[in-house]
């Protein structure tokens, strides 16, 4: 179930928030009725971001091994074609 809480719950009810995020679910925090932030467990955050770090590491390695470079238009044009082909 979607967990939306006021940001004050982070201070006042930390154990409750911690219990929720430890199940792998995010908690959405609001301030004055508007979305302010999302709280995730470290494990869930890593699951969401590890592949990005790996891809950036591969790109860095590839850039060091080659002098080939692409312009902004080439990179984003290629991505747009891939997205639009779906």
N, C-alpha and C. Protein backbone atom coordinates (compact mmCIF):
# COMPACT_ATOMS: atom_id res chain seq x y z
N UNK A 1 0.83 -1.18 0.00
CA UNK A 1 0.00 0.00 0.00
C UNK A 1 0.88 1.25 0.00
N UNK A 2 0.53 2.23 -0.78
CA UNK A 2 1.28 3.47 -0.89
C UNK A 2 1.32 4.19 0.46
N UNK A 3 2.52 4.51 0.92
CA UNK A 3 2.69 5.17 2.22
C UNK A 3 3.02 6.64 1.99
N UNK A 4 2.08 7.52 2.33
CA UNK A 4 2.27 8.96 2.22
C UNK A 4 2.12 9.54 3.61
N UNK A 5 3.16 10.20 4.07
CA UNK A 5 3.18 10.72 5.44
C UNK A 5 3.66 12.16 5.44
N UNK A 6 3.25 12.94 6.46
CA UNK A 6 3.83 14.28 6.60
C UNK A 6 5.29 14.16 7.01
N UNK A 7 6.09 15.11 6.59
CA UNK A 7 7.52 15.07 6.88
C UNK A 7 7.78 15.05 8.40
N UNK A 8 6.88 15.58 9.17
CA UNK A 8 7.04 15.57 10.64
C UNK A 8 7.09 14.15 11.19
N UNK A 9 6.46 13.18 10.47
CA UNK A 9 6.52 11.79 10.91
C UNK A 9 7.94 11.24 10.89
N UNK A 10 8.79 11.80 10.05
CA UNK A 10 10.17 11.34 10.01
C UNK A 10 10.84 11.60 11.36
N UNK A 11 10.53 12.70 11.96
CA UNK A 11 11.09 13.03 13.28
C UNK A 11 10.29 12.36 14.40
N UNK A 12 8.98 12.47 14.32
CA UNK A 12 8.13 12.03 15.43
C UNK A 12 7.83 10.54 15.45
N UNK A 13 7.89 9.90 14.31
CA UNK A 13 7.53 8.47 14.24
C UNK A 13 8.57 7.69 13.43
N UNK A 14 9.84 8.02 13.68
CA UNK A 14 10.92 7.38 12.92
C UNK A 14 10.84 5.86 12.93
N UNK A 15 10.60 5.21 14.08
CA UNK A 15 10.53 3.73 14.06
C UNK A 15 9.46 3.18 13.11
N UNK A 16 8.34 3.90 13.00
CA UNK A 16 7.29 3.46 12.07
C UNK A 16 7.76 3.57 10.62
N UNK A 17 8.40 4.69 10.30
CA UNK A 17 8.93 4.90 8.95
C UNK A 17 9.99 3.84 8.64
N UNK A 18 10.89 3.63 9.59
CA UNK A 18 11.96 2.64 9.41
C UNK A 18 11.39 1.25 9.16
N UNK A 19 10.37 0.89 9.87
CA UNK A 19 9.74 -0.43 9.72
C UNK A 19 9.19 -0.60 8.29
N UNK A 20 8.57 0.44 7.78
CA UNK A 20 8.00 0.40 6.43
C UNK A 20 9.10 0.26 5.38
N UNK A 21 10.12 1.12 5.45
CA UNK A 21 11.15 1.08 4.41
C UNK A 21 11.97 -0.20 4.49
N UNK A 22 12.07 -0.81 5.66
CA UNK A 22 12.79 -2.07 5.77
C UNK A 22 12.06 -3.24 5.12
N UNK A 23 10.79 -3.04 4.77
CA UNK A 23 10.06 -4.06 4.00
C UNK A 23 10.31 -3.90 2.50
N UNK A 24 11.05 -2.85 2.11
CA UNK A 24 11.34 -2.60 0.70
C UNK A 24 10.42 -1.58 0.06
N UNK A 25 9.46 -1.08 0.83
CA UNK A 25 8.52 -0.09 0.31
C UNK A 25 9.04 1.32 0.58
N UNK A 26 8.83 2.24 -0.36
CA UNK A 26 9.21 3.63 -0.09
C UNK A 26 8.14 4.33 0.75
N UNK A 27 8.54 5.38 1.43
CA UNK A 27 7.60 6.24 2.14
C UNK A 27 7.72 7.63 1.50
N UNK A 28 6.61 8.14 1.03
CA UNK A 28 6.55 9.46 0.41
C UNK A 28 6.21 10.47 1.49
N UNK A 29 7.06 11.49 1.63
CA UNK A 29 6.85 12.50 2.65
C UNK A 29 6.35 13.79 2.02
N UNK A 30 5.41 14.43 2.70
CA UNK A 30 4.84 15.68 2.22
C UNK A 30 5.16 16.81 3.19
N UNK A 31 5.21 18.00 2.64
CA UNK A 31 5.37 19.21 3.45
C UNK A 31 4.31 20.19 2.98
N UNK A 32 3.47 20.61 3.88
CA UNK A 32 2.37 21.51 3.56
C UNK A 32 1.48 20.94 2.45
N UNK A 33 1.31 19.63 2.46
CA UNK A 33 0.42 18.98 1.51
C UNK A 33 1.02 18.67 0.15
N UNK A 34 2.28 19.01 -0.05
CA UNK A 34 2.94 18.77 -1.34
C UNK A 34 4.07 17.77 -1.16
N UNK A 35 4.32 16.98 -2.19
CA UNK A 35 5.41 16.01 -2.14
C UNK A 35 6.73 16.69 -1.87
N UNK A 36 7.51 16.14 -0.94
CA UNK A 36 8.79 16.75 -0.57
C UNK A 36 9.95 15.80 -0.81
N UNK A 37 9.79 14.51 -0.46
CA UNK A 37 10.88 13.56 -0.61
C UNK A 37 10.37 12.14 -0.47
N UNK A 38 11.25 11.21 -0.80
CA UNK A 38 10.96 9.79 -0.66
C UNK A 38 12.04 9.17 0.21
N UNK A 39 11.63 8.34 1.16
CA UNK A 39 12.58 7.64 2.01
C UNK A 39 12.61 6.18 1.57
N UNK A 40 13.83 5.68 1.34
CA UNK A 40 14.03 4.29 0.93
C UNK A 40 15.06 3.64 1.85
N UNK A 41 15.01 2.32 1.95
CA UNK A 41 16.07 1.62 2.65
C UNK A 41 17.33 1.68 1.79
N UNK A 42 18.48 1.48 2.41
CA UNK A 42 19.73 1.46 1.65
C UNK A 42 19.72 0.36 0.60
N UNK A 43 19.15 -0.78 0.95
CA UNK A 43 19.10 -1.90 0.01
C UNK A 43 18.26 -1.56 -1.21
N UNK A 44 17.11 -0.93 -0.99
CA UNK A 44 16.24 -0.56 -2.11
C UNK A 44 16.89 0.51 -2.97
N UNK A 45 17.52 1.48 -2.34
CA UNK A 45 18.21 2.52 -3.09
C UNK A 45 19.32 1.91 -3.95
N UNK A 46 20.08 0.99 -3.38
CA UNK A 46 21.15 0.32 -4.14
C UNK A 46 20.57 -0.47 -5.31
N UNK A 47 19.46 -1.15 -5.07
CA UNK A 47 18.83 -1.92 -6.15
C UNK A 47 18.43 -1.01 -7.30
N UNK A 48 17.99 0.19 -6.98
CA UNK A 48 17.56 1.13 -8.01
C UNK A 48 18.72 1.80 -8.74
N UNK A 49 19.86 1.94 -8.08
CA UNK A 49 20.94 2.74 -8.66
C UNK A 49 22.19 1.97 -9.07
N UNK A 50 22.37 0.75 -8.60
CA UNK A 50 23.60 0.01 -8.90
C UNK A 50 23.85 -0.15 -10.39
N UNK A 51 22.80 -0.42 -11.16
CA UNK A 51 22.99 -0.60 -12.60
C UNK A 51 23.46 0.70 -13.27
N UNK A 52 23.05 1.84 -12.71
CA UNK A 52 23.49 3.12 -13.25
C UNK A 52 24.98 3.30 -13.01
N UNK A 53 25.43 3.00 -11.80
CA UNK A 53 26.85 3.11 -11.48
C UNK A 53 27.68 2.17 -12.38
N UNK A 54 27.19 0.97 -12.59
CA UNK A 54 27.88 0.00 -13.44
C UNK A 54 27.98 0.52 -14.88
N UNK A 55 26.88 1.07 -15.39
CA UNK A 55 26.88 1.62 -16.75
C UNK A 55 27.84 2.81 -16.87
N UNK A 56 27.89 3.65 -15.86
CA UNK A 56 28.81 4.79 -15.89
C UNK A 56 30.27 4.32 -15.83
N UNK A 57 30.53 3.29 -15.03
CA UNK A 57 31.89 2.73 -14.97
C UNK A 57 32.31 2.17 -16.33
N UNK A 58 31.38 1.46 -17.00
CA UNK A 58 31.68 0.92 -18.33
C UNK A 58 31.93 2.04 -19.33
N UNK A 59 31.14 3.10 -19.25
CA UNK A 59 31.30 4.23 -20.17
C UNK A 59 32.65 4.91 -19.94
N UNK A 60 33.04 5.06 -18.68
CA UNK A 60 34.34 5.67 -18.38
C UNK A 60 35.47 4.82 -18.95
N UNK A 61 35.37 3.52 -18.78
CA UNK A 61 36.40 2.61 -19.29
C UNK A 61 36.47 2.68 -20.81
N UNK A 62 35.31 2.68 -21.45
CA UNK A 62 35.25 2.76 -22.91
C UNK A 62 35.85 4.07 -23.41
N UNK A 63 35.57 5.16 -22.71
CA UNK A 63 36.10 6.47 -23.12
C UNK A 63 37.61 6.52 -23.01
N UNK A 64 38.16 5.84 -22.01
CA UNK A 64 39.61 5.81 -21.85
C UNK A 64 40.29 4.98 -22.93
N UNK A 65 39.57 3.96 -23.43
CA UNK A 65 40.16 3.03 -24.40
C UNK A 65 39.98 3.47 -25.84
N UNK A 66 39.22 4.53 -26.08
CA UNK A 66 38.92 4.96 -27.44
C UNK A 66 38.96 6.48 -27.55
N UNK A 67 39.28 6.94 -28.74
CA UNK A 67 39.24 8.38 -28.99
C UNK A 67 37.95 8.79 -29.69
N UNK A 68 37.08 7.82 -30.01
CA UNK A 68 35.80 8.12 -30.65
C UNK A 68 34.92 8.90 -29.69
N UNK A 69 34.30 9.94 -30.19
CA UNK A 69 33.38 10.76 -29.39
C UNK A 69 32.14 11.04 -30.22
N UNK A 70 31.01 11.19 -29.53
CA UNK A 70 29.74 11.50 -30.20
C UNK A 70 29.26 12.86 -29.74
N UNK A 71 28.62 13.58 -30.63
CA UNK A 71 28.05 14.87 -30.26
C UNK A 71 26.75 14.65 -29.47
N UNK A 72 26.30 15.70 -28.86
CA UNK A 72 25.03 15.68 -28.14
C UNK A 72 23.89 15.21 -29.06
N UNK A 73 23.86 15.73 -30.27
CA UNK A 73 22.80 15.38 -31.22
C UNK A 73 22.86 13.90 -31.58
N UNK A 74 24.05 13.35 -31.76
CA UNK A 74 24.18 11.93 -32.10
C UNK A 74 23.69 11.04 -30.96
N UNK A 75 24.08 11.38 -29.75
CA UNK A 75 23.69 10.57 -28.59
C UNK A 75 22.18 10.60 -28.40
N UNK A 76 21.61 11.79 -28.31
CA UNK A 76 20.19 11.89 -28.02
C UNK A 76 19.33 11.51 -29.22
N UNK A 77 19.83 11.71 -30.43
CA UNK A 77 19.10 11.24 -31.61
C UNK A 77 18.98 9.73 -31.61
N UNK A 78 20.07 9.05 -31.26
CA UNK A 78 20.07 7.59 -31.18
C UNK A 78 19.09 7.11 -30.10
N UNK A 79 19.11 7.76 -28.95
CA UNK A 79 18.20 7.38 -27.87
C UNK A 79 16.74 7.61 -28.27
N UNK A 80 16.48 8.74 -28.92
CA UNK A 80 15.09 9.02 -29.35
C UNK A 80 14.60 7.96 -30.33
N UNK A 81 15.46 7.56 -31.27
CA UNK A 81 15.07 6.53 -32.24
C UNK A 81 14.74 5.23 -31.54
N UNK A 82 15.54 4.85 -30.54
CA UNK A 82 15.30 3.62 -29.80
C UNK A 82 13.99 3.69 -29.03
N UNK A 83 13.75 4.82 -28.37
CA UNK A 83 12.53 4.98 -27.60
C UNK A 83 11.30 4.98 -28.50
N UNK A 84 11.39 5.69 -29.62
CA UNK A 84 10.25 5.78 -30.54
C UNK A 84 9.98 4.50 -31.30
N UNK A 85 10.96 3.61 -31.38
CA UNK A 85 10.78 2.35 -32.09
C UNK A 85 9.97 1.34 -31.28
N UNK A 86 9.81 1.62 -30.02
CA UNK A 86 9.07 0.67 -29.14
C UNK A 86 7.60 0.77 -29.34
